[in-house]
C-alpha atoms as a PDB file:
ATOM      1  CA  MET A   1      24.730  -8.045   2.510  1.00  0.00           C
ATOM      2  CA  ASP A   2      22.058  -7.746   5.131  1.00  0.00           C
ATOM      3  CA  GLN A   3      23.617  -4.542   5.974  1.00  0.00           C
ATOM      4  CA  LEU A   4      23.382  -3.194   2.581  1.00  0.00           C
ATOM      5  CA  ALA A   5      19.317  -4.594   2.391  1.00  0.00           C
ATOM      6  CA  ILE A   6      19.162  -2.592   5.955  1.00  0.00           C
ATOM      7  CA  HIS A   7      20.812   0.500   4.385  1.00  0.00           C
ATOM      8  CA  LEU A   8      18.560   0.403   1.366  1.00  0.00           C
ATOM      9  CA  ALA A   9      15.414   0.115   3.624  1.00  0.00           C
ATOM     10  CA  LEU A  10      16.406   2.514   5.941  1.00  0.00           C
ATOM     11  CA  HIS A  11      16.897   4.902   3.275  1.00  0.00           C
ATOM     12  CA  GLY A  12      13.900   4.062   1.669  1.00  0.00           C
ATOM     13  CA  ALA A  13      11.630   4.503   4.724  1.00  0.00           C
ATOM     14  CA  ILE A  14      12.990   7.876   5.548  1.00  0.00           C
ATOM     15  CA  VAL A  15      12.639   8.942   1.778  1.00  0.00           C
ATOM     16  CA  LEU A  16       8.994   7.616   1.958  1.00  0.00           C
ATOM     17  CA  SER A  17       8.169   9.174   5.149  1.00  0.00           C
ATOM     18  CA  ILE A  18       9.555  13.033   3.723  1.00  0.00           C
ATOM     19  CA  SER A  19       7.452  12.419   0.953  1.00  0.00           C
ATOM     20  CA  ILE A  20       4.533  12.129   3.051  1.00  0.00           C
ATOM     21  CA  ILE A  21       4.885  15.157   4.908  1.00  0.00           C
ATOM     22  CA  ALA A  22       5.672  17.033   1.375  1.00  0.00           C
ATOM     23  CA  GLY A  23       1.932  15.538   0.799  1.00  0.00           C
ATOM     24  CA  LEU A  24       0.804  17.783   3.596  1.00  0.00           C
ATOM     25  CA  PHE A  25       2.723  20.816   2.287  1.00  0.00           C
ATOM     26  CA  LEU A  26       0.905  19.785  -1.417  1.00  0.00           C
ATOM     27  CA  TYR A  27      -2.327  19.963   0.344  1.00  0.00           C
ATOM     28  CA  GLY A  28      -1.727  23.288   1.750  1.00  0.00           C
ATOM     29  CA  ALA A  29      -0.531  24.386  -1.553  1.00  0.00           C
ATOM     30  CA  ILE A  30      -3.405  23.382  -3.251  1.00  0.00           C
ATOM     31  CA  LEU A  31      -5.930  24.586  -0.579  1.00  0.00           C
ATOM     32  CA  ASN A  32      -3.836  28.083  -0.744  1.00  0.00           C
ATOM     33  CA  LYS A  33      -3.603  28.190  -4.544  1.00  0.00           C
ATOM     34  CA  ILE A  34      -0.162  28.944  -4.019  1.00  0.00           C
ATOM     35  CA  LYS A  35       1.651  28.882  -7.499  1.00  0.00           C
ATOM     36  CA  ASN A  36       4.318  26.401  -7.066  1.00  0.00           C
ATOM     37  CA  GLU A  37       1.801  23.535  -6.138  1.00  0.00           C
ATOM     38  CA  SER A  38       3.085  21.346  -9.052  1.00  0.00           C
ATOM     39  CA  ALA A  39       6.481  21.285  -7.403  1.00  0.00           C
ATOM     40  CA  TRP A  40       5.287  19.937  -3.820  1.00  0.00           C
ATOM     41  CA  HIS A  41       3.954  17.656  -6.261  1.00  0.00           C
ATOM     42  CA  VAL A  42       7.121  16.542  -7.849  1.00  0.00           C
ATOM     43  CA  VAL A  43       8.222  16.307  -4.209  1.00  0.00           C
ATOM     44  CA  HIS A  44       5.466  13.870  -2.964  1.00  0.00           C
ATOM     45  CA  ALA A  45       5.320  11.804  -6.066  1.00  0.00           C
ATOM     46  CA  GLY A  46       9.136  11.740  -6.594  1.00  0.00           C
ATOM     47  CA  GLY A  47       9.818  11.106  -2.867  1.00  0.00           C
ATOM     48  CA  THR A  48       7.234   8.073  -3.065  1.00  0.00           C
ATOM     49  CA  VAL A  49       8.827   6.504  -6.052  1.00  0.00           C
ATOM     50  CA  ARG A  50      12.463   6.852  -4.641  1.00  0.00           C
ATOM     51  CA  GLY A  51      11.621   5.273  -1.346  1.00  0.00           C
ATOM     52  CA  VAL A  52       9.657   2.488  -2.364  1.00  0.00           C
ATOM     53  CA  MET A  53      12.598   1.958  -5.116  1.00  0.00           C
ATOM     54  CA  LEU A  54      15.091   1.567  -2.448  1.00  0.00           C
ATOM     55  CA  ILE A  55      12.539  -0.794  -0.071  1.00  0.00           C
ATOM     56  CA  ALA A  56      12.395  -2.851  -3.427  1.00  0.00           C
ATOM     57  CA  LEU A  57      15.995  -2.701  -3.954  1.00  0.00           C
ATOM     58  CA  ALA A  58      16.639  -4.144  -0.652  1.00  0.00           C
ATOM     59  CA  ALA A  59      14.712  -7.305  -1.313  1.00  0.00           C
ATOM     60  CA  ILE A  60      16.486  -8.423  -4.250  1.00  0.00           C
ATOM     61  CA  ILE A  61      20.113  -7.062  -3.678  1.00  0.00           C
ATOM     62  CA  HIS A  62      21.525 -10.254  -2.277  1.00  0.00           C
ATOM     63  CA  LEU A  63      20.713 -11.618  -5.991  1.00  0.00           C
ATOM     64  CA  PRO A  64      23.427  -9.763  -8.212  1.00  0.00           C
ATOM     65  CA  VAL A  65      26.998 -11.928  -8.629  1.00  0.00           C
ATOM     66  CA  LEU A  66      29.555  -8.865  -7.566  1.00  0.00           C
ATOM     67  CA  PRO A  67      32.467  -8.533  -5.465  1.00  0.00           C
ATOM     68  CA  SER A  68      31.263  -6.928  -2.080  1.00  0.00           C
ATOM     69  CA  TRP A  69      33.002  -3.381  -3.140  1.00  0.00           C
ATOM     70  CA  GLN A  70      30.984  -3.496  -6.522  1.00  0.00           C
ATOM     71  CA  LEU A  71      27.837  -4.038  -4.492  1.00  0.00           C
ATOM     72  CA  THR A  72      28.621  -1.637  -2.339  1.00  0.00           C
ATOM     73  CA  THR A  73      29.460   1.100  -4.832  1.00  0.00           C
ATOM     74  CA  ALA A  74      26.464   0.276  -6.866  1.00  0.00           C
ATOM     75  CA  VAL A  75      24.147   0.936  -3.633  1.00  0.00           C
ATOM     76  CA  GLY A  76      26.202   4.178  -2.368  1.00  0.00           C
ATOM     77  CA  LEU A  77      25.274   5.373  -5.890  1.00  0.00           C
ATOM     78  CA  ILE A  78      22.028   4.722  -5.501  1.00  0.00           C
ATOM     79  CA  ILE A  79      21.261   6.434  -2.588  1.00  0.00           C
ATOM     80  CA  PHE A  80      23.392   9.327  -3.681  1.00  0.00           C
ATOM     81  CA  PHE A  81      21.002   9.814  -6.482  1.00  0.00           C
ATOM     82  CA  VAL A  82      17.994   9.670  -4.156  1.00  0.00           C
ATOM     83  CA  TRP A  83      19.384  11.670  -1.759  1.00  0.00           C
ATOM     84  CA  THR A  84      20.373  14.430  -4.058  1.00  0.00           C
ATOM     85  CA  SER A  85      17.723  14.425  -6.129  1.00  0.00           C
ATOM     86  CA  MET A  86      15.246  14.637  -3.092  1.00  0.00           C
ATOM     87  CA  LEU A  87      17.148  17.572  -2.019  1.00  0.00           C
ATOM     88  CA  ALA A  88      17.082  19.692  -5.244  1.00  0.00           C
ATOM     89  CA  MET A  89      13.111  18.676  -5.208  1.00  0.00           C
ATOM     90  CA  ILE A  90      12.768  20.042  -1.828  1.00  0.00           C
ATOM     91  CA  ILE A  91      14.457  23.123  -2.422  1.00  0.00           C
ATOM     92  CA  ALA A  92      12.957  23.682  -5.684  1.00  0.00           C
ATOM     93  CA  ALA A  93       9.282  23.174  -4.001  1.00  0.00           C
ATOM     94  CA  MET A  94      10.373  25.993  -1.371  1.00  0.00           C
ATOM     95  CA  THR A  95      11.781  28.449  -3.485  1.00  0.00           C
ATOM     96  CA  GLY A  96      10.378  28.170  -6.772  1.00  0.00           C
ATOM     97  CA  ASN A  97      13.970  27.844  -8.517  1.00  0.00           C
ATOM     98  CA  ARG A  98      13.339  25.026 -10.705  1.00  0.00           C
ATOM     99  CA  GLY A  99      17.252  24.471 -11.466  1.00  0.00           C
ATOM    100  CA  LEU A 100      16.946  23.893 -15.410  1.00  0.00           C
ATOM    101  CA  GLY A 101      20.463  25.935 -16.096  1.00  0.00           C
ATOM    102  CA  LEU A 102      23.445  27.047 -14.391  1.00  0.00           C
ATOM    103  CA  PHE A 103      22.500  30.820 -14.099  1.00  0.00           C
ATOM    104  CA  GLY A 104      20.193  32.782 -12.021  1.00  0.00           C
ATOM    105  CA  SER A 105      20.368  32.908  -8.282  1.00  0.00           C
ATOM    106  CA  MET A 106      22.900  30.878  -6.136  1.00  0.00           C
ATOM    107  CA  THR A 107      19.511  28.603  -5.055  1.00  0.00           C
ATOM    108  CA  ASN A 108      18.626  27.931  -9.003  1.00  0.00           C
ATOM    109  CA  LYS A 109      22.572  26.645  -9.235  1.00  0.00           C
ATOM    110  CA  LEU A 110      22.177  24.571  -6.250  1.00  0.00           C
ATOM    111  CA  VAL A 111      19.083  22.504  -7.516  1.00  0.00           C
ATOM    112  CA  TYR A 112      20.607  22.047 -10.800  1.00  0.00           C
ATOM    113  CA  ILE A 113      24.120  21.200  -9.080  1.00  0.00           C
ATOM    114  CA  LEU A 114      22.305  18.482  -7.092  1.00  0.00           C
ATOM    115  CA  TYR A 115      20.328  17.236  -9.900  1.00  0.00           C
ATOM    116  CA  GLY A 116      23.418  17.052 -12.231  1.00  0.00           C
ATOM    117  CA  MET A 117      25.283  15.041  -9.468  1.00  0.00           C
ATOM    118  CA  GLY A 118      22.494  13.032  -8.825  1.00  0.00           C
ATOM    119  CA  THR A 119      22.287  12.283 -12.364  1.00  0.00           C
ATOM    120  CA  ILE A 120      25.704  11.333 -12.980  1.00  0.00           C
ATOM    121  CA  ALA A 121      25.906   8.947 -10.240  1.00  0.00           C
ATOM    122  CA  ILE A 122      22.785   7.093 -10.912  1.00  0.00           C
ATOM    123  CA  PHE A 123      24.105   5.436 -14.573  1.00  0.00           C
ATOM    124  CA  PRO A 124      27.309   3.770 -12.960  1.00  0.00           C
ATOM    125  CA  GLY A 125      24.930   2.521  -9.737  1.00  0.00           C
ATOM    126  CA  CYS A 126      22.443   0.852 -12.084  1.00  0.00           C
ATOM    127  CA  PHE A 127      25.058  -0.313 -14.830  1.00  0.00           C
ATOM    128  CA  LEU A 128      26.628  -2.268 -12.106  1.00  0.00           C
ATOM    129  CA  LEU A 129      23.260  -3.823 -10.708  1.00  0.00           C
ATOM    130  CA  ILE A 130      22.318  -4.589 -14.202  1.00  0.00           C
ATOM    131  CA  TYR A 131      25.541  -6.408 -14.709  1.00  0.00           C
ATOM    132  CA  GLY A 132      25.489  -7.934 -11.443  1.00  0.00           C
ATOM    133  CA  LEU A 133      21.936  -9.178 -12.156  1.00  0.00           C
ATOM    134  CA  TYR A 134      23.075 -10.537 -15.458  1.00  0.00           C
ATOM    135  CA  LYS A 135      25.798 -12.642 -14.011  1.00  0.00           C
ATOM    136  CA  ALA A 136      23.586 -14.304 -11.794  1.00  0.00           C
ATOM    137  CA  LEU A 137      21.608 -15.665 -14.721  1.00  0.00           C
END
């Protein structure tokens, strides 16, 4: 279980660092009046939330009552969600493609697919986490 906590904390710290760097890009976009300023805000704020979420999860990952493979699966799915959404947000900010549908440029499709894969992964990951915490009561 310590390994899962370390993985969560490590990924959280890396994601948090990336969001801090995105804050510098946000600052540059504000100063230069770049039209996709809001997209950099999403990377900065969204990355910060995701990083803090992973670090917070690291602190409580020992609490759910689940078999090791289910707990590992939950952690893996949550980390997968974080990285796919981070990548999608960064690509969207860099290119201006918001990924609102499976149409347009290949970049737009890629952003859409990354968001979609992460969205699909987060639900079973959170369900397992909630189920394990409920069993711990």
